[in-house]
Each structure stands twice: as structure tokens, then as C-alpha cells.
N, C-alpha and C. Protein backbone atom coordinates (compact mmCIF):
# COMPACT_ATOMS: atom_id res chain seq x y z
N MET A 1 3.83 13.46 15.07
CA MET A 1 4.34 14.21 14.45
C MET A 1 4.55 14.00 12.89
N THR A 2 4.45 14.78 12.00
CA THR A 2 4.08 14.75 10.61
C THR A 2 5.20 16.08 9.44
N HIS A 3 5.94 15.13 9.03
CA HIS A 3 6.80 17.01 8.00
C HIS A 3 6.61 16.12 6.52
N ARG A 4 6.62 16.95 5.82
CA ARG A 4 6.62 16.74 4.52
C ARG A 4 7.94 17.03 4.04
N ASP A 5 7.99 16.19 2.63
CA ASP A 5 9.76 16.27 1.92
C ASP A 5 9.81 16.25 0.66
N LEU A 6 10.34 17.22 -0.42
CA LEU A 6 10.10 16.81 -1.68
C LEU A 6 11.44 15.85 -2.20
N VAL A 7 11.24 15.24 -2.92
CA VAL A 7 12.40 14.07 -3.03
C VAL A 7 12.51 14.32 -4.86
N PRO A 8 13.70 14.30 -5.14
CA PRO A 8 13.66 14.78 -6.73
C PRO A 8 14.09 13.22 -7.39
N THR A 9 13.59 13.00 -8.44
CA THR A 9 13.55 12.03 -8.82
C THR A 9 13.61 12.12 -10.60
N SER A 10 14.00 10.83 -10.95
CA SER A 10 14.25 11.16 -12.93
C SER A 10 12.95 11.27 -13.44
N VAL A 11 11.99 11.38 -12.93
CA VAL A 11 10.75 11.50 -13.54
C VAL A 11 9.78 12.97 -12.83
N GLY A 12 10.58 13.82 -12.01
CA GLY A 12 10.17 14.57 -11.14
C GLY A 12 9.92 14.67 -9.64
N ASP A 13 9.75 15.73 -9.00
CA ASP A 13 9.62 15.60 -8.08
C ASP A 13 8.66 14.74 -7.31
N ALA A 14 8.92 13.83 -6.56
CA ALA A 14 8.11 13.25 -5.50
C ALA A 14 7.64 14.02 -3.99
N ARG A 15 6.67 13.65 -3.05
CA ARG A 15 6.68 14.36 -1.95
C ARG A 15 5.90 13.26 -0.73
N VAL A 16 6.89 12.85 0.10
CA VAL A 16 6.89 12.04 1.38
C VAL A 16 6.51 12.78 2.43
N THR A 17 4.96 11.94 2.97
CA THR A 17 4.86 12.97 4.26
C THR A 17 4.57 11.69 5.56
N TRP A 18 5.45 12.13 6.54
CA TRP A 18 6.43 11.14 7.29
C TRP A 18 5.36 11.25 8.73
N TYR A 19 5.07 9.86 9.09
CA TYR A 19 4.13 10.18 10.32
C TYR A 19 5.43 9.61 11.12
N ALA A 20 5.93 9.81 12.03
CA ALA A 20 6.49 9.37 13.08
C ALA A 20 6.31 8.41 13.96
N ALA A 21 6.82 7.41 14.32
CA ALA A 21 6.24 6.40 16.22
C ALA A 21 6.68 7.57 16.68
N ASP A 22 5.39 6.62 17.76
CA ASP A 22 5.01 7.68 18.98
C ASP A 22 6.25 7.46 19.65
N ARG A 23 6.95 5.63 19.68
CA ARG A 23 8.02 5.51 20.62
C ARG A 23 9.09 5.25 19.58
N GLU A 24 9.87 4.18 20.47
CA GLU A 24 11.03 4.10 19.86
C GLU A 24 10.59 3.42 18.11
N PRO A 25 10.96 3.71 16.68
CA PRO A 25 10.72 2.95 15.88
C PRO A 25 11.43 1.55 15.25
N ARG A 26 10.37 0.71 14.92
CA ARG A 26 11.35 -0.23 14.58
C ARG A 26 11.36 -0.91 13.30
N LEU A 27 10.61 0.30 12.62
CA LEU A 27 9.50 -0.21 11.04
C LEU A 27 9.33 0.73 10.65
N LEU A 28 9.71 0.92 9.07
CA LEU A 28 9.15 1.88 8.23
C LEU A 28 8.09 1.43 7.15
N LEU A 29 6.67 1.78 7.38
CA LEU A 29 5.75 1.49 6.26
C LEU A 29 5.69 2.51 5.11
N ALA A 30 6.02 2.68 3.96
CA ALA A 30 6.21 3.31 2.67
C ALA A 30 4.82 3.09 1.96
N LEU A 31 4.15 3.60 1.94
CA LEU A 31 2.90 3.29 1.29
C LEU A 31 2.50 4.40 0.16
N GLY A 32 2.17 3.92 -1.03
CA GLY A 32 1.97 4.98 -2.41
C GLY A 32 0.07 4.50 -3.04
N HIS A 33 -0.02 5.84 -3.70
CA HIS A 33 -1.37 6.16 -3.86
C HIS A 33 -1.49 4.95 -5.28
N GLY A 34 -2.82 5.63 -5.42
CA GLY A 34 -3.44 4.42 -6.56
C GLY A 34 -3.39 5.38 -7.84
N ALA A 35 -3.99 4.94 -8.86
CA ALA A 35 -4.32 5.79 -10.36
C ALA A 35 -5.20 7.10 -10.06
N GLY A 36 -6.12 6.63 -9.17
CA GLY A 36 -7.30 7.67 -9.17
C GLY A 36 -7.40 8.24 -8.30
N GLY A 37 -6.47 8.31 -7.31
CA GLY A 37 -6.01 9.62 -5.84
C GLY A 37 -4.84 9.25 -5.35
N GLY A 38 -4.89 10.58 -4.28
CA GLY A 38 -3.64 10.27 -3.73
C GLY A 38 -3.58 9.88 -2.28
N ILE A 39 -2.43 10.22 -1.55
CA ILE A 39 -2.89 9.95 -0.05
C ILE A 39 -3.75 10.43 0.96
N GLU A 40 -4.82 10.95 0.61
CA GLU A 40 -6.14 10.76 1.00
C GLU A 40 -6.86 9.70 1.17
N ALA A 41 -6.82 8.96 0.79
CA ALA A 41 -7.38 7.36 0.86
C ALA A 41 -8.01 7.34 2.22
N ARG A 42 -8.54 7.05 2.60
CA ARG A 42 -9.34 6.55 3.69
C ARG A 42 -8.42 5.52 4.47
N ASP A 43 -7.72 4.31 3.88
CA ASP A 43 -7.02 3.27 4.09
C ASP A 43 -5.79 3.51 4.60
N LEU A 44 -5.02 4.68 3.83
CA LEU A 44 -3.85 5.27 3.63
C LEU A 44 -3.58 5.94 5.38
N GLN A 45 -4.80 6.90 5.50
CA GLN A 45 -5.20 8.17 6.40
C GLN A 45 -5.55 6.94 7.72
N ALA A 46 -6.22 6.03 7.84
CA ALA A 46 -6.01 5.27 8.61
C ALA A 46 -4.84 4.64 9.54
N LEU A 47 -4.03 4.14 8.46
CA LEU A 47 -2.74 3.29 8.75
C LEU A 47 -2.10 4.46 8.98
N ALA A 48 -2.20 5.74 8.68
CA ALA A 48 -0.92 6.28 9.07
C ALA A 48 -1.11 7.41 10.57
N ALA A 49 -2.43 7.20 11.02
CA ALA A 49 -3.19 7.28 12.35
C ALA A 49 -3.11 6.94 13.19
N VAL A 50 -2.95 5.39 13.09
CA VAL A 50 -2.83 3.93 14.00
C VAL A 50 -1.26 3.49 14.33
N LEU A 51 -0.84 3.16 13.26
CA LEU A 51 0.36 2.60 13.24
C LEU A 51 1.42 3.44 14.13
N PRO A 52 1.71 4.38 14.06
CA PRO A 52 2.69 4.82 14.70
C PRO A 52 2.56 4.83 16.39
N ALA A 53 1.81 4.52 17.11
CA ALA A 53 1.75 4.25 18.35
C ALA A 53 2.33 3.09 18.71
N SER A 54 2.57 2.13 17.84
CA SER A 54 3.01 0.62 17.64
C SER A 54 4.28 0.79 17.50
N GLY A 55 5.32 1.95 17.03
CA GLY A 55 6.51 1.88 16.66
C GLY A 55 6.79 1.77 14.78
N VAL A 56 5.67 2.06 14.57
CA VAL A 56 5.80 2.18 13.15
C VAL A 56 5.85 3.64 12.83
N THR A 57 7.33 3.61 11.50
CA THR A 57 6.70 5.52 11.15
C THR A 57 6.66 5.12 9.58
N VAL A 58 4.98 5.97 9.23
CA VAL A 58 4.43 5.29 8.30
C VAL A 58 4.72 6.81 6.96
N ALA A 59 5.25 6.68 5.93
CA ALA A 59 5.72 7.38 4.88
C ALA A 59 4.98 7.25 3.82
N LEU A 60 4.05 8.11 3.84
CA LEU A 60 3.09 8.13 2.43
C LEU A 60 3.46 9.46 1.30
N VAL A 61 3.99 8.47 -0.13
CA VAL A 61 4.56 9.02 -0.99
C VAL A 61 3.79 9.35 -2.16
N GLU A 62 3.78 10.50 -2.72
CA GLU A 62 3.13 10.98 -3.79
C GLU A 62 4.46 10.94 -4.67
N GLN A 63 3.45 10.17 -5.91
CA GLN A 63 4.26 10.03 -6.61
C GLN A 63 4.45 11.15 -8.06
N PRO A 64 5.70 11.41 -8.79
CA PRO A 64 5.85 12.89 -9.44
C PRO A 64 4.27 12.75 -10.65
N TRP A 65 4.09 12.12 -10.85
CA TRP A 65 3.13 12.60 -11.71
C TRP A 65 1.45 13.27 -10.95
N ARG A 66 1.53 12.93 -9.39
CA ARG A 66 0.34 13.72 -9.02
C ARG A 66 0.83 14.88 -8.28
N VAL A 67 2.07 14.98 -7.78
CA VAL A 67 2.69 16.63 -7.10
C VAL A 67 2.81 17.36 -8.31
N ALA A 68 3.18 16.78 -9.52
CA ALA A 68 2.99 17.98 -10.85
C ALA A 68 1.35 18.06 -11.22
N GLY A 69 0.44 17.96 -10.39
CA GLY A 69 -0.39 18.12 -10.67
C GLY A 69 -1.51 17.71 -11.75
N ARG A 70 -0.85 16.23 -12.77
CA ARG A 70 -1.30 15.45 -13.44
C ARG A 70 -2.44 14.91 -13.47
N LYS A 71 -3.43 14.34 -13.98
CA LYS A 71 -5.04 14.23 -13.46
C LYS A 71 -4.29 12.12 -13.89
N LEU A 72 -3.85 11.93 -15.05
CA LEU A 72 -3.46 10.49 -15.40
C LEU A 72 -2.25 10.13 -14.98
N ALA A 73 -2.48 9.02 -14.09
CA ALA A 73 -0.83 8.48 -14.23
C ALA A 73 -0.35 7.43 -15.35
N PRO A 74 0.74 7.75 -15.40
CA PRO A 74 1.93 7.02 -16.56
C PRO A 74 1.87 5.55 -16.27
N ALA A 75 2.49 5.40 -17.54
CA ALA A 75 2.54 3.65 -17.71
C ALA A 75 3.50 3.08 -16.65
N PRO A 76 3.57 2.03 -16.14
CA PRO A 76 4.08 1.10 -14.97
C PRO A 76 5.05 1.03 -15.20
N ARG A 77 6.23 1.13 -15.87
CA ARG A 77 7.27 1.72 -15.97
C ARG A 77 7.99 2.57 -15.11
N THR A 78 7.12 3.51 -15.54
CA THR A 78 7.47 5.41 -15.16
C THR A 78 7.34 5.44 -13.81
N LEU A 79 6.16 4.75 -13.18
CA LEU A 79 5.49 4.42 -11.80
C LEU A 79 6.99 3.72 -10.94
N ASP A 80 7.16 2.60 -11.83
CA ASP A 80 8.25 1.71 -11.09
C ASP A 80 9.54 2.54 -10.80
N GLU A 81 9.78 3.19 -11.99
CA GLU A 81 11.42 4.45 -12.33
C GLU A 81 10.75 5.24 -10.56
N GLY A 82 9.78 6.04 -10.50
CA GLY A 82 9.81 7.11 -9.68
C GLY A 82 10.15 6.26 -8.14
N TRP A 83 9.29 5.35 -8.07
CA TRP A 83 9.52 4.42 -6.78
C TRP A 83 11.10 3.94 -6.25
N ARG A 84 11.65 3.89 -7.56
CA ARG A 84 12.97 3.19 -7.56
C ARG A 84 13.94 4.69 -6.50
N ASP A 85 13.47 5.59 -7.20
CA ASP A 85 14.62 6.67 -7.03
C ASP A 85 14.35 7.37 -5.77
N ILE A 86 13.35 6.88 -5.04
CA ILE A 86 12.31 7.57 -3.96
C ILE A 86 13.06 6.57 -2.61
N TRP A 87 12.90 5.70 -3.06
CA TRP A 87 13.49 4.38 -2.25
C TRP A 87 14.65 4.78 -1.19
N PRO A 88 15.94 5.64 -1.62
CA PRO A 88 17.04 5.65 -1.09
C PRO A 88 16.25 6.80 0.63
N ALA A 89 15.52 7.49 -0.02
CA ALA A 89 15.34 8.83 0.97
C ALA A 89 14.14 7.51 1.90
N LEU A 90 13.46 6.75 1.82
CA LEU A 90 12.82 6.09 2.66
C LEU A 90 13.82 4.83 3.48
N ARG A 91 15.09 4.79 2.73
CA ARG A 91 15.84 3.99 3.58
C ARG A 91 16.36 4.70 4.54
N ALA A 92 16.97 5.95 4.31
CA ALA A 92 17.73 7.02 5.28
C ALA A 92 17.65 7.12 6.42
N PRO A 93 16.31 6.31 7.25
CA PRO A 93 15.76 6.71 8.79
C PRO A 93 16.73 5.11 9.42
N GLY A 94 17.42 4.60 8.13
CA GLY A 94 18.03 3.33 8.74
C GLY A 94 16.91 2.38 9.08
N LEU A 95 15.38 2.20 8.76
CA LEU A 95 14.89 0.98 9.39
C LEU A 95 14.52 0.17 8.32
N PRO A 96 13.71 -1.19 8.59
CA PRO A 96 13.46 -1.68 7.40
C PRO A 96 12.37 -1.45 7.16
N VAL A 97 12.09 -1.47 5.71
CA VAL A 97 11.50 -0.58 4.87
C VAL A 97 10.46 -1.85 4.43
N VAL A 98 9.01 -1.96 4.88
CA VAL A 98 8.12 -2.21 4.58
C VAL A 98 7.31 -1.87 3.19
N ALA A 99 7.20 -2.02 1.86
CA ALA A 99 7.02 -0.96 0.65
C ALA A 99 5.29 -1.93 0.50
N GLY A 100 4.64 -0.76 -0.05
CA GLY A 100 2.98 -0.79 0.27
C GLY A 100 2.52 0.23 -0.69
N GLY A 101 1.17 -0.01 -0.69
CA GLY A 101 0.59 1.00 -1.41
C GLY A 101 -0.81 0.38 -1.70
N ARG A 102 -1.74 1.31 -2.35
CA ARG A 102 -2.95 0.51 -2.75
C ARG A 102 -3.21 0.84 -3.89
N SER A 103 -3.96 0.02 -4.46
CA SER A 103 -4.01 -0.47 -6.33
C SER A 103 -3.00 -0.38 -6.51
N ALA A 104 -2.58 1.03 -7.89
CA ALA A 104 -1.62 1.13 -8.95
C ALA A 104 -0.81 0.96 -7.61
N GLY A 105 -0.33 1.69 -6.95
CA GLY A 105 0.44 1.42 -5.46
C GLY A 105 0.56 0.51 -5.19
N ALA A 106 0.34 -0.32 -4.83
CA ALA A 106 0.31 -1.90 -4.81
C ALA A 106 1.10 -2.57 -5.57
N ARG A 107 1.08 -3.12 -6.86
CA ARG A 107 1.22 -3.35 -7.73
C ARG A 107 2.59 -2.82 -8.06
N VAL A 108 3.09 -1.47 -7.66
CA VAL A 108 4.39 -1.15 -7.64
C VAL A 108 5.42 -1.67 -6.77
N ALA A 109 4.55 -1.58 -5.56
CA ALA A 109 5.19 -2.70 -4.25
C ALA A 109 6.04 -3.54 -4.84
N CYS A 110 4.69 -4.72 -5.43
CA CYS A 110 5.30 -5.95 -5.91
C CYS A 110 6.15 -5.99 -6.64
N ARG A 111 6.06 -5.22 -8.05
CA ARG A 111 7.18 -5.33 -9.38
C ARG A 111 8.34 -4.78 -8.92
N THR A 112 8.70 -4.13 -7.44
CA THR A 112 9.63 -3.85 -7.26
C THR A 112 10.56 -3.75 -5.74
N ALA A 113 9.92 -4.89 -5.12
CA ALA A 113 10.31 -5.85 -3.77
C ALA A 113 11.20 -6.63 -3.74
N ARG A 114 11.72 -7.41 -5.14
CA ARG A 114 13.09 -7.76 -4.70
C ARG A 114 14.22 -7.01 -5.39
N ALA A 115 13.85 -6.46 -6.07
CA ALA A 115 15.53 -5.67 -6.50
C ALA A 115 15.52 -4.62 -5.41
N LEU A 116 14.43 -3.86 -4.61
CA LEU A 116 15.04 -2.96 -3.61
C LEU A 116 15.00 -3.24 -2.24
N GLY A 117 15.21 -4.41 -2.00
CA GLY A 117 15.58 -5.13 -0.50
C GLY A 117 14.57 -5.04 0.15
N ALA A 118 13.28 -4.98 0.04
CA ALA A 118 12.34 -4.60 0.89
C ALA A 118 12.22 -5.46 2.08
N HIS A 119 11.63 -5.47 2.90
CA HIS A 119 11.30 -6.83 4.36
C HIS A 119 10.17 -6.97 4.00
N ALA A 120 8.77 -6.59 3.27
CA ALA A 120 7.90 -6.92 3.18
C ALA A 120 7.30 -6.09 2.29
N VAL A 121 5.65 -7.05 1.55
CA VAL A 121 4.82 -5.95 0.90
C VAL A 121 3.73 -5.91 1.59
N LEU A 122 2.99 -5.01 1.53
CA LEU A 122 1.51 -4.37 2.09
C LEU A 122 0.52 -3.92 0.66
N ALA A 123 -0.24 -5.06 -0.12
CA ALA A 123 -0.57 -4.72 -0.85
C ALA A 123 -1.99 -4.17 -0.52
N LEU A 124 -2.40 -3.28 -0.42
CA LEU A 124 -4.18 -2.30 -0.24
C LEU A 124 -4.82 -3.08 -1.33
N SER A 125 -5.88 -3.54 -1.49
CA SER A 125 -6.69 -3.16 -2.56
C SER A 125 -6.04 -3.47 -4.04
N PHE A 126 -5.02 -4.71 -3.96
CA PHE A 126 -4.50 -5.09 -5.35
C PHE A 126 -5.58 -5.41 -5.98
N PRO A 127 -4.97 -5.10 -7.61
CA PRO A 127 -6.10 -4.92 -8.72
C PRO A 127 -5.81 -6.08 -9.73
N LEU A 128 -6.47 -7.02 -9.11
CA LEU A 128 -6.03 -8.39 -9.52
C LEU A 128 -6.62 -8.50 -11.26
N HIS A 129 -7.24 -8.06 -11.26
CA HIS A 129 -7.52 -7.63 -12.85
C HIS A 129 -8.18 -6.46 -13.06
N PRO A 130 -8.66 -6.42 -14.52
CA PRO A 130 -9.75 -5.56 -14.81
C PRO A 130 -11.13 -5.43 -14.04
N PRO A 131 -11.98 -4.32 -14.35
CA PRO A 131 -13.84 -5.49 -13.75
C PRO A 131 -14.01 -5.71 -14.62
N GLY A 132 -14.74 -7.02 -14.78
CA GLY A 132 -15.19 -7.72 -15.65
C GLY A 132 -14.20 -8.42 -16.34
N ARG A 133 -12.80 -8.69 -16.45
CA ARG A 133 -11.93 -8.84 -16.83
C ARG A 133 -10.70 -10.14 -16.57
N PRO A 134 -11.49 -11.04 -15.83
CA PRO A 134 -10.44 -11.89 -14.82
C PRO A 134 -9.79 -12.76 -15.50
N GLU A 135 -9.69 -12.60 -17.12
CA GLU A 135 -8.70 -13.41 -18.21
C GLU A 135 -7.08 -12.27 -18.10
N ARG A 136 -7.18 -11.22 -17.59
CA ARG A 136 -6.00 -10.25 -17.79
C ARG A 136 -5.41 -10.23 -16.04
N SER A 137 -5.11 -11.27 -15.59
CA SER A 137 -4.85 -11.33 -14.31
C SER A 137 -3.19 -10.88 -14.12
N ARG A 138 -3.31 -10.13 -13.38
CA ARG A 138 -1.98 -9.68 -12.46
C ARG A 138 -1.42 -10.51 -11.46
N ALA A 139 -1.67 -11.87 -11.53
CA ALA A 139 -1.50 -12.39 -10.42
C ALA A 139 0.23 -12.64 -10.14
N ASP A 140 0.78 -12.98 -11.59
CA ASP A 140 2.52 -13.00 -11.31
C ASP A 140 3.08 -11.56 -10.38
N GLU A 141 2.66 -10.42 -10.46
CA GLU A 141 2.89 -9.18 -10.00
C GLU A 141 3.28 -10.01 -8.41
N LEU A 142 1.38 -10.09 -8.47
CA LEU A 142 1.56 -10.65 -6.60
C LEU A 142 2.25 -11.73 -6.11
N LEU A 143 2.62 -12.24 -6.79
CA LEU A 143 3.14 -14.15 -6.50
C LEU A 143 4.59 -13.84 -7.03
N GLY A 144 5.32 -13.16 -7.15
CA GLY A 144 6.74 -12.90 -7.55
C GLY A 144 7.06 -11.74 -6.60
N THR A 145 6.81 -11.36 -5.08
CA THR A 145 7.31 -10.17 -4.62
C THR A 145 8.44 -10.88 -4.00
N GLY A 146 8.86 -12.33 -3.59
CA GLY A 146 10.14 -12.73 -3.20
C GLY A 146 10.19 -12.47 -1.30
N VAL A 147 9.08 -11.56 -0.77
CA VAL A 147 9.29 -11.40 0.39
C VAL A 147 7.76 -11.41 0.92
N PRO A 148 7.71 -12.02 1.90
CA PRO A 148 6.44 -11.62 2.81
C PRO A 148 5.34 -10.34 2.39
N THR A 149 4.41 -11.46 1.99
CA THR A 149 3.17 -9.71 1.64
C THR A 149 1.71 -10.26 2.22
N LEU A 150 1.24 -9.02 2.62
CA LEU A 150 -0.35 -9.41 3.03
C LEU A 150 -0.59 -8.25 2.11
N VAL A 151 -2.15 -9.11 1.77
CA VAL A 151 -2.96 -8.48 0.45
C VAL A 151 -3.97 -8.18 1.73
N VAL A 152 -4.88 -6.89 1.59
CA VAL A 152 -5.80 -6.32 2.07
C VAL A 152 -6.91 -5.92 1.17
N GLN A 153 -7.75 -6.84 1.00
CA GLN A 153 -8.72 -6.88 -0.17
C GLN A 153 -10.23 -6.67 0.38
N GLY A 154 -11.11 -5.85 -0.16
CA GLY A 154 -12.68 -5.50 -0.42
C GLY A 154 -13.32 -6.87 -0.61
N GLY A 155 -14.30 -6.87 0.43
CA GLY A 155 -15.15 -8.43 -0.15
C GLY A 155 -15.97 -8.07 -1.24
N ASN A 156 -16.11 -6.72 -1.79
CA ASN A 156 -16.76 -6.20 -3.22
C ASN A 156 -16.08 -6.00 -4.06
N ASP A 157 -14.65 -5.82 -3.68
CA ASP A 157 -13.78 -5.38 -5.25
C ASP A 157 -14.08 -5.68 -6.72
N PRO A 158 -14.26 -5.04 -7.62
CA PRO A 158 -14.86 -5.45 -8.68
C PRO A 158 -13.08 -5.72 -9.24
N PHE A 159 -12.19 -5.38 -8.45
CA PHE A 159 -10.95 -5.07 -9.73
C PHE A 159 -10.32 -6.85 -8.48
N GLY A 160 -11.16 -7.73 -8.39
CA GLY A 160 -10.40 -9.18 -7.28
C GLY A 160 -11.18 -9.37 -6.50
N ARG A 161 -11.97 -10.13 -5.91
CA ARG A 161 -12.55 -10.52 -4.92
C ARG A 161 -11.66 -11.23 -4.35
N PRO A 162 -11.60 -11.31 -3.05
CA PRO A 162 -10.77 -12.12 -2.10
C PRO A 162 -10.97 -13.97 -2.63
N ALA A 163 -12.16 -14.61 -3.07
CA ALA A 163 -12.06 -15.89 -3.31
C ALA A 163 -11.37 -15.83 -4.93
N GLU A 164 -11.27 -14.98 -5.63
CA GLU A 164 -10.27 -14.76 -6.99
C GLU A 164 -8.95 -15.09 -6.53
N PHE A 165 -8.19 -14.81 -5.39
CA PHE A 165 -6.48 -14.75 -5.21
C PHE A 165 -6.37 -16.25 -5.40
N PRO A 166 -5.26 -16.38 -6.09
CA PRO A 166 -4.62 -17.80 -6.27
C PRO A 166 -3.83 -18.05 -5.00
N ALA A 167 -3.64 -19.19 -5.09
CA ALA A 167 -3.36 -19.96 -3.57
C ALA A 167 -1.87 -19.43 -3.99
N GLY A 168 -0.86 -19.02 -2.46
CA GLY A 168 0.51 -18.77 -2.72
C GLY A 168 1.04 -18.01 -1.05
N ASP A 169 1.97 -17.40 -0.95
CA ASP A 169 3.18 -17.76 0.20
C ASP A 169 2.10 -16.45 0.61
N HIS A 170 1.40 -15.00 -0.11
CA HIS A 170 1.00 -14.31 0.68
C HIS A 170 -0.28 -14.55 1.72
N GLU A 171 -0.52 -13.88 2.51
CA GLU A 171 -1.93 -13.89 3.17
C GLU A 171 -2.54 -12.70 2.89
N LEU A 172 -3.55 -13.15 3.36
CA LEU A 172 -4.89 -12.13 3.22
C LEU A 172 -5.92 -11.99 4.07
N ILE A 173 -6.28 -10.45 4.28
CA ILE A 173 -7.46 -9.93 4.68
C ILE A 173 -8.14 -9.60 4.25
N GLU A 174 -9.61 -9.84 4.28
CA GLU A 174 -11.10 -9.45 3.93
C GLU A 174 -11.64 -8.56 4.84
N VAL A 175 -11.93 -7.61 4.13
CA VAL A 175 -12.88 -6.50 4.87
C VAL A 175 -14.34 -6.63 4.24
N PRO A 176 -15.14 -7.05 4.89
CA PRO A 176 -16.15 -7.23 4.80
C PRO A 176 -17.18 -6.14 3.85
N PHE A 177 -17.80 -6.54 2.93
CA PHE A 177 -18.79 -5.53 2.14
C PHE A 177 -17.47 -4.28 1.10
N GLY A 178 -16.03 -4.28 1.61
CA GLY A 178 -15.62 -3.16 1.19
C GLY A 178 -15.57 -2.90 -0.59
N ASP A 179 -15.65 -1.89 -1.44
CA ASP A 179 -15.53 -1.80 -2.43
C ASP A 179 -13.62 -1.65 -2.79
N HIS A 180 -13.55 -1.42 -3.55
CA HIS A 180 -12.05 -0.82 -4.23
C HIS A 180 -11.34 0.17 -3.27
N GLY A 181 -12.37 0.98 -2.85
CA GLY A 181 -11.84 2.15 -2.02
C GLY A 181 -11.91 1.47 -0.23
N PHE A 182 -12.82 0.46 -0.11
CA PHE A 182 -12.87 -0.02 0.84
C PHE A 182 -14.14 0.56 1.61
N ALA A 183 -14.86 1.33 0.71
CA ALA A 183 -16.45 2.12 1.22
C ALA A 183 -17.21 1.07 1.30
N VAL A 184 -17.98 1.22 2.46
CA VAL A 184 -18.61 0.33 2.81
C VAL A 184 -20.44 0.43 2.32
N PRO A 185 -21.44 0.34 2.11
CA PRO A 185 -22.53 0.77 1.43
C PRO A 185 -23.52 0.58 2.64
N LYS A 186 -24.33 1.59 2.68
CA LYS A 186 -25.18 1.77 4.01
C LYS A 186 -26.07 0.32 4.55
N ARG A 187 -26.40 -0.31 3.33
CA ARG A 187 -27.06 -1.51 3.84
C ARG A 187 -26.45 -2.35 4.45
N ALA A 188 -24.84 -2.34 4.43
CA ALA A 188 -24.02 -3.49 5.29
C ALA A 188 -24.51 -3.67 6.01
N THR A 189 -24.11 -4.95 6.88
CA THR A 189 -24.39 -5.40 8.14
C THR A 189 -23.31 -4.62 9.19
N SER A 190 -22.31 -4.20 8.58
CA SER A 190 -21.28 -3.75 9.25
C SER A 190 -20.99 -1.97 8.95
N THR A 191 -19.87 -1.22 9.51
CA THR A 191 -19.80 0.30 9.36
C THR A 191 -18.71 0.25 8.63
N GLN A 192 -18.62 1.90 8.52
CA GLN A 192 -17.40 2.07 7.68
C GLN A 192 -16.30 2.11 8.62
N GLU A 193 -16.58 2.55 9.72
CA GLU A 193 -15.36 2.83 11.22
C GLU A 193 -14.82 0.97 11.29
N GLU A 194 -15.48 -0.11 11.54
CA GLU A 194 -15.82 -0.95 11.66
C GLU A 194 -14.67 -1.68 10.47
N ALA A 195 -14.99 -1.59 9.08
CA ALA A 195 -14.00 -1.73 7.98
C ALA A 195 -12.82 -1.26 8.03
N LEU A 196 -12.31 0.08 8.59
CA LEU A 196 -10.89 0.53 8.22
C LEU A 196 -10.59 0.03 10.04
N ARG A 197 -11.60 -0.74 10.85
CA ARG A 197 -10.46 -1.24 12.10
C ARG A 197 -10.27 -2.75 11.58
N VAL A 198 -10.50 -3.23 10.81
CA VAL A 198 -10.12 -4.45 9.95
C VAL A 198 -9.15 -4.43 9.46
N ILE A 199 -9.09 -2.97 8.98
CA ILE A 199 -7.61 -3.00 8.34
C ILE A 199 -6.55 -2.71 9.07
N THR A 200 -6.86 -1.73 10.16
CA THR A 200 -5.59 -1.02 10.75
C THR A 200 -5.35 -2.29 11.95
N ASP A 201 -6.45 -3.13 12.39
CA ASP A 201 -5.86 -4.01 13.19
C ASP A 201 -5.26 -5.60 12.55
N GLY A 202 -5.67 -5.58 11.57
CA GLY A 202 -5.37 -6.89 10.59
C GLY A 202 -3.72 -5.95 10.10
N VAL A 203 -3.51 -5.18 9.46
CA VAL A 203 -1.98 -4.86 9.09
C VAL A 203 -0.98 -4.81 10.40
N GLY A 204 -1.24 -4.03 11.79
CA GLY A 204 -0.66 -4.15 12.78
C GLY A 204 -0.39 -5.41 13.43
N LYS A 205 -1.25 -5.96 13.33
CA LYS A 205 -0.87 -7.63 14.05
C LYS A 205 -0.01 -8.19 13.29
N TRP A 206 0.04 -8.00 11.50
CA TRP A 206 0.53 -8.60 10.27
C TRP A 206 2.32 -7.89 10.66
N LEU A 207 2.48 -6.85 10.65
CA LEU A 207 3.59 -6.14 11.63
C LEU A 207 4.23 -6.56 12.64
N GLY A 208 3.45 -6.92 13.18
CA GLY A 208 4.19 -7.56 14.91
C GLY A 208 4.02 -8.71 14.93
N GLY A 209 3.95 -9.61 13.96
CA GLY A 209 3.58 -10.70 13.87
C GLY A 209 4.40 -11.73 14.14
N PRO A 210 4.50 -13.19 13.80
CA PRO A 210 5.44 -14.11 14.19
C PRO A 210 6.64 -14.10 13.31
N ARG A 211 6.55 -13.25 11.34
CA ARG A 211 7.65 -12.79 11.08
C ARG A 211 8.23 -12.24 11.04
N GLU A 212 8.36 -11.26 12.38
CA GLU A 212 8.85 -10.15 12.85
C GLU A 212 9.23 -9.24 11.14
N CYS A 213 7.48 -9.20 10.84
CA CYS A 213 8.28 -8.06 9.66
C CYS A 213 8.30 -6.58 9.62
């Protein structure tokens, strides 16, 4: 079952699309989108379709700039401000909240997790650096979450391949052949469906794993 809510923030109205758990809920996974797209991203939609069956309510969060129809994302500080203002609505169901997102949304979740009291962080396609600019690392954001953190990264992501990630407390799942949007080329030895299953199976296992995320 899904429904949508508009959530007022200091930078405009956000929109949350809720995918309720199919049974007694144990967690809420809140996922923000990237700077180049919305909640229609294949990984966000796959998680929203699969995880409710395991007792996880999924909230797909559209930042105010996207709701307003603007094409360019604002500065990171504004993204963080919007996310912080959305947080009370995410906490309202009374469940532990795992903060997450893809790309720019993953950075927001990492930067704000400790201050907001997130239960854990899920970073999908974390943009470790701009393409071709490894010296401009954003590793400090990932390493500074202060909570259990899972990175899910495409094997061919130009924003940071799995082998480029620094050692730390985070866990990492590689999606073979996947690019920044987890698209798999036709010449690959695995399919798009298999790539999405790596994501949903890996995230599902982590959310129900030994850390009791």
C-alpha cells in the first residue's frame, strides 16, 4: 500500500511516498534521490517494491527543489536543511529510521546521520569523487557517519569504483558491471535483473543482519 504526503520545510514543500510494510513493521528506510533524477531511479523503485515484504516500510523522499519542478539541485547546505526538516515526518511512525539515498541523496544521509540520530545509513552509488577527479575525494562524509553504514556501488561507477573506497567501518556491496545508475551494458555477463537482485538481496540481508539494523 502506498500513499503520498507533502511535508513543509524551510526551503519549500518536500514529498514523501510511503510504501508500507506488508507485516508488522520493524524499520523505516528513508531514501532520497540524486541531483540528476528523482525517485523513479531503478534502485529506489526496486527497494520500495521488495523490502516491505520483510517488515521494512520504505519512504521515498523528493527534495523541495524537485517538487517545485526545478532542474538543478541547490547547494549541499540547502539539501541538508531540507532533509533535516523532513526528518520529524520520517520519525512519526515510531520506527528506527535508516537514512539513505542515491548519489547526492547518499551524501545528505551521510552528512546528517549523526545529528539526526539515524539508526544506520544506506549509501547507494555514493559519489566518492567527480568523474576523473579522484583527488577531490568526499570520503570524509562517508567515514564520518558515526552509525552502521552500507555502500552499494556499481563496479563501473565513474564517481568511484569499489576498489577506490577507503577502508573504514562501512560495509560495501559491489554490483558487477553497474554504472552510476546501476545500468548494466548488454555485453555484460550478468543482466539488469540480476544487478537489481544484488541490490535488493544485499540490502535486505544487511537490514536484517547481525547488527540488527
